[in-house]
Amino acid sequence: MTSLSRHEDYAASEAQNREFLVFSLGEEEYAIDILKVQEIRGYENVTRIANAPEFIKGVTNLRGIIVPIVDLRIKFHLDKVEYGGQTVVIVVNVADRVVGIVVDGVSDVMTLTPEQIKPAPEFGVTLSSDFLSGLGSLEDRMLVLVDIDKLLTSEEMALVERTSA
């Protein structure tokens, strides 16, 4: 085996690995595809939109772009939703739409191999399994992998666009 073919094998296996941004909501750890993340910002007050679903905190102006802010803690029906120093907004770009998602905190970026990603269960998770792309399994940690595209292209998000337009 030449060094070139070994390099190609390595590159092929690396291509299947995926990087995720890990964040917390309550006691659970979630992760989204890092390629969807535009930036991470501190939480700041937003302009409330009348008649928007409760989980839509409102909109904010991000360098001239009006960005809807979705509180995932409310969307996922968590009991306690508090805003503190660790609360951040992850700005994502999904389907040509920029959206901010409020989370309790961001911990790190992790690379998962295909073997570490398990199919999503059909039950037992706070979140509708429609929005799950799987579970990331690492030694002593379990990450709920959120399909941010499906979550943010739902009918509810279309409603936000109509209300904020």
Protein backbone atom coordinates (compact mmCIF):
# COMPACT_ATOMS: atom_id res chain seq x y z
CA MET A 1 0.00 0.00 0.00
CA THR A 2 1.48 3.33 -0.99
CA SER A 3 1.30 6.34 1.27
CA LEU A 4 -1.07 8.01 -1.23
CA SER A 5 -3.66 5.24 -1.01
CA ARG A 6 -3.42 5.24 2.79
CA HIS A 7 -4.08 8.98 2.69
CA GLU A 8 -7.10 8.41 0.43
CA ASP A 9 -8.47 5.77 2.84
CA TYR A 10 -8.03 8.17 5.73
CA ALA A 11 -9.74 10.97 3.77
CA ALA A 12 -12.65 8.68 2.88
CA SER A 13 -13.18 7.66 6.52
CA GLU A 14 -12.86 11.28 7.66
CA ALA A 15 -15.52 12.33 5.15
CA GLN A 16 -18.08 10.16 6.92
CA ASN A 17 -17.36 11.71 10.31
CA ARG A 18 -19.62 14.62 11.20
CA GLU A 19 -19.03 17.58 13.48
CA PHE A 20 -21.76 18.74 15.84
CA LEU A 21 -22.18 21.76 18.08
CA VAL A 22 -23.19 20.45 21.52
CA PHE A 23 -25.60 22.48 23.64
CA SER A 24 -27.66 21.93 26.76
CA LEU A 25 -31.36 22.28 27.44
CA GLY A 26 -32.10 21.53 31.07
CA GLU A 27 -30.32 18.31 32.03
CA GLU A 28 -30.08 16.99 28.47
CA GLU A 29 -27.33 17.46 25.90
CA TYR A 30 -28.31 18.07 22.30
CA ALA A 31 -26.30 18.58 19.14
CA ILE A 32 -26.79 20.12 15.71
CA ASP A 33 -24.71 19.88 12.55
CA ILE A 34 -21.92 22.45 12.88
CA LEU A 35 -22.27 23.35 9.19
CA LYS A 36 -25.67 24.93 9.94
CA VAL A 37 -24.24 27.25 12.61
CA GLN A 38 -23.52 30.81 11.56
CA GLU A 39 -22.56 32.24 14.97
CA ILE A 40 -23.16 32.05 18.72
CA ARG A 41 -24.28 35.18 20.58
CA GLY A 42 -25.29 36.12 24.09
CA TYR A 43 -29.04 36.33 24.66
CA GLU A 44 -30.43 39.85 24.39
CA ASN A 45 -33.95 41.19 24.51
CA VAL A 46 -36.06 40.69 21.41
CA THR A 47 -39.06 42.42 19.89
CA ARG A 48 -42.16 40.35 20.61
CA ILE A 49 -44.46 39.46 17.70
CA ALA A 50 -48.23 39.48 18.34
CA ASN A 51 -50.02 36.14 17.84
CA ALA A 52 -46.76 34.18 17.44
CA PRO A 53 -46.53 30.74 19.08
CA GLU A 54 -45.20 30.86 22.66
CA PHE A 55 -41.83 29.34 21.72
CA ILE A 56 -41.15 32.23 19.32
CA LYS A 57 -39.59 34.80 21.63
CA GLY A 58 -39.72 37.46 18.92
CA VAL A 59 -37.30 38.92 16.41
CA THR A 60 -34.00 40.73 16.57
CA ASN A 61 -32.00 42.79 14.11
CA LEU A 62 -28.74 41.06 13.26
CA ARG A 63 -26.63 43.38 11.10
CA GLY A 64 -29.67 44.49 9.10
CA ILE A 65 -31.36 41.08 8.91
CA ILE A 66 -34.54 40.48 10.92
CA VAL A 67 -34.00 37.14 12.65
CA PRO A 68 -36.78 35.17 14.41
CA ILE A 69 -35.67 33.88 17.83
CA VAL A 70 -36.95 30.42 18.82
CA ASP A 71 -36.62 29.26 22.44
CA LEU A 72 -35.96 25.53 22.14
CA ARG A 73 -36.58 25.08 25.86
CA ILE A 74 -40.19 26.15 25.38
CA LYS A 75 -40.49 24.29 22.05
CA PHE A 76 -39.32 21.09 23.76
CA HIS A 77 -41.69 21.64 26.73
CA LEU A 78 -39.03 21.93 29.43
CA ASP A 79 -40.38 22.83 32.87
CA LYS A 80 -38.00 25.58 33.86
CA VAL A 81 -37.00 28.29 31.41
CA GLU A 82 -34.64 30.84 32.94
CA TYR A 83 -32.44 33.40 31.25
CA GLY A 84 -28.99 33.71 32.79
CA GLY A 85 -25.37 34.39 31.98
CA GLN A 86 -24.97 31.04 30.21
CA THR A 87 -28.06 31.49 28.01
CA VAL A 88 -27.00 31.88 24.40
CA VAL A 89 -28.50 32.19 20.96
CA ILE A 90 -27.16 29.89 18.26
CA VAL A 91 -27.70 31.60 14.91
CA VAL A 92 -28.31 28.97 12.23
CA ASN A 93 -28.82 29.15 8.50
CA VAL A 94 -31.49 26.72 7.33
CA ALA A 95 -33.21 26.66 3.94
CA ASP A 96 -31.99 30.19 3.12
CA ARG A 97 -33.47 31.43 6.39
CA VAL A 98 -31.49 32.78 9.34
CA VAL A 99 -32.98 31.81 12.71
CA GLY A 100 -31.71 32.19 16.27
CA ILE A 101 -32.29 29.36 18.74
CA VAL A 102 -32.12 30.02 22.49
CA VAL A 103 -30.40 27.31 24.53
CA ASP A 104 -29.13 27.02 28.11
CA GLY A 105 -25.51 26.90 27.03
CA VAL A 106 -23.03 25.62 24.45
CA SER A 107 -20.39 23.18 25.65
CA ASP A 108 -18.25 22.08 22.70
CA VAL A 109 -17.87 20.82 19.17
CA MET A 110 -17.66 17.05 18.77
CA THR A 111 -16.80 14.81 15.85
CA LEU A 112 -18.91 11.67 15.65
CA THR A 113 -18.15 8.64 13.53
CA PRO A 114 -21.01 6.82 11.76
CA GLU A 115 -20.68 4.03 14.38
CA GLN A 116 -21.36 6.53 17.19
CA ILE A 117 -24.65 7.70 15.65
CA LYS A 118 -27.63 5.49 16.51
CA PRO A 119 -31.17 5.75 15.08
CA ALA A 120 -33.59 7.94 17.03
CA PRO A 121 -35.99 6.12 19.36
CA GLU A 122 -39.70 6.37 18.67
CA PHE A 123 -40.56 7.18 22.28
CA GLY A 124 -39.23 8.39 25.62
CA VAL A 125 -37.77 11.68 24.44
CA THR A 126 -39.31 15.08 25.18
CA LEU A 127 -38.93 16.02 21.57
CA SER A 128 -41.05 14.73 18.71
CA SER A 129 -38.95 12.13 16.92
CA ASP A 130 -39.71 13.93 13.63
CA PHE A 131 -37.00 16.42 14.57
CA LEU A 132 -34.39 13.88 15.66
CA SER A 133 -31.70 12.62 13.35
CA GLY A 134 -30.39 10.14 15.90
CA LEU A 135 -28.50 9.72 19.14
CA GLY A 136 -24.78 10.30 19.47
CA SER A 137 -23.17 7.80 21.80
CA LEU A 138 -19.83 8.65 23.39
CA GLU A 139 -18.37 6.72 26.33
CA ASP A 140 -20.40 8.22 29.21
CA ARG A 141 -22.43 10.77 27.21
CA MET A 142 -25.56 10.53 25.11
CA LEU A 143 -26.31 13.39 22.70
CA VAL A 144 -29.74 13.94 21.17
CA LEU A 145 -29.01 14.85 17.54
CA VAL A 146 -31.51 17.45 16.35
CA ASP A 147 -32.37 17.74 12.65
CA ILE A 148 -32.42 21.53 12.67
CA ASP A 149 -33.63 21.62 9.06
CA LYS A 150 -36.81 19.68 9.87
CA LEU A 151 -37.34 21.59 13.09
CA LEU A 152 -37.03 25.02 11.53
CA THR A 153 -38.83 24.32 8.27
CA SER A 154 -41.97 23.13 10.00
CA GLU A 155 -45.36 24.77 9.50
CA GLU A 156 -44.86 26.68 12.75
CA MET A 157 -41.83 28.46 11.31
CA ALA A 158 -43.78 29.38 8.18
CA LEU A 159 -46.30 30.97 10.55
CA VAL A 160 -43.49 33.04 12.07
CA GLU A 161 -42.50 34.33 8.67
CA ARG A 162 -46.08 35.39 7.97
CA THR A 163 -46.43 37.12 11.35
CA SER A 164 -43.10 38.93 11.19
CA ALA A 165 -43.48 40.05 7.56
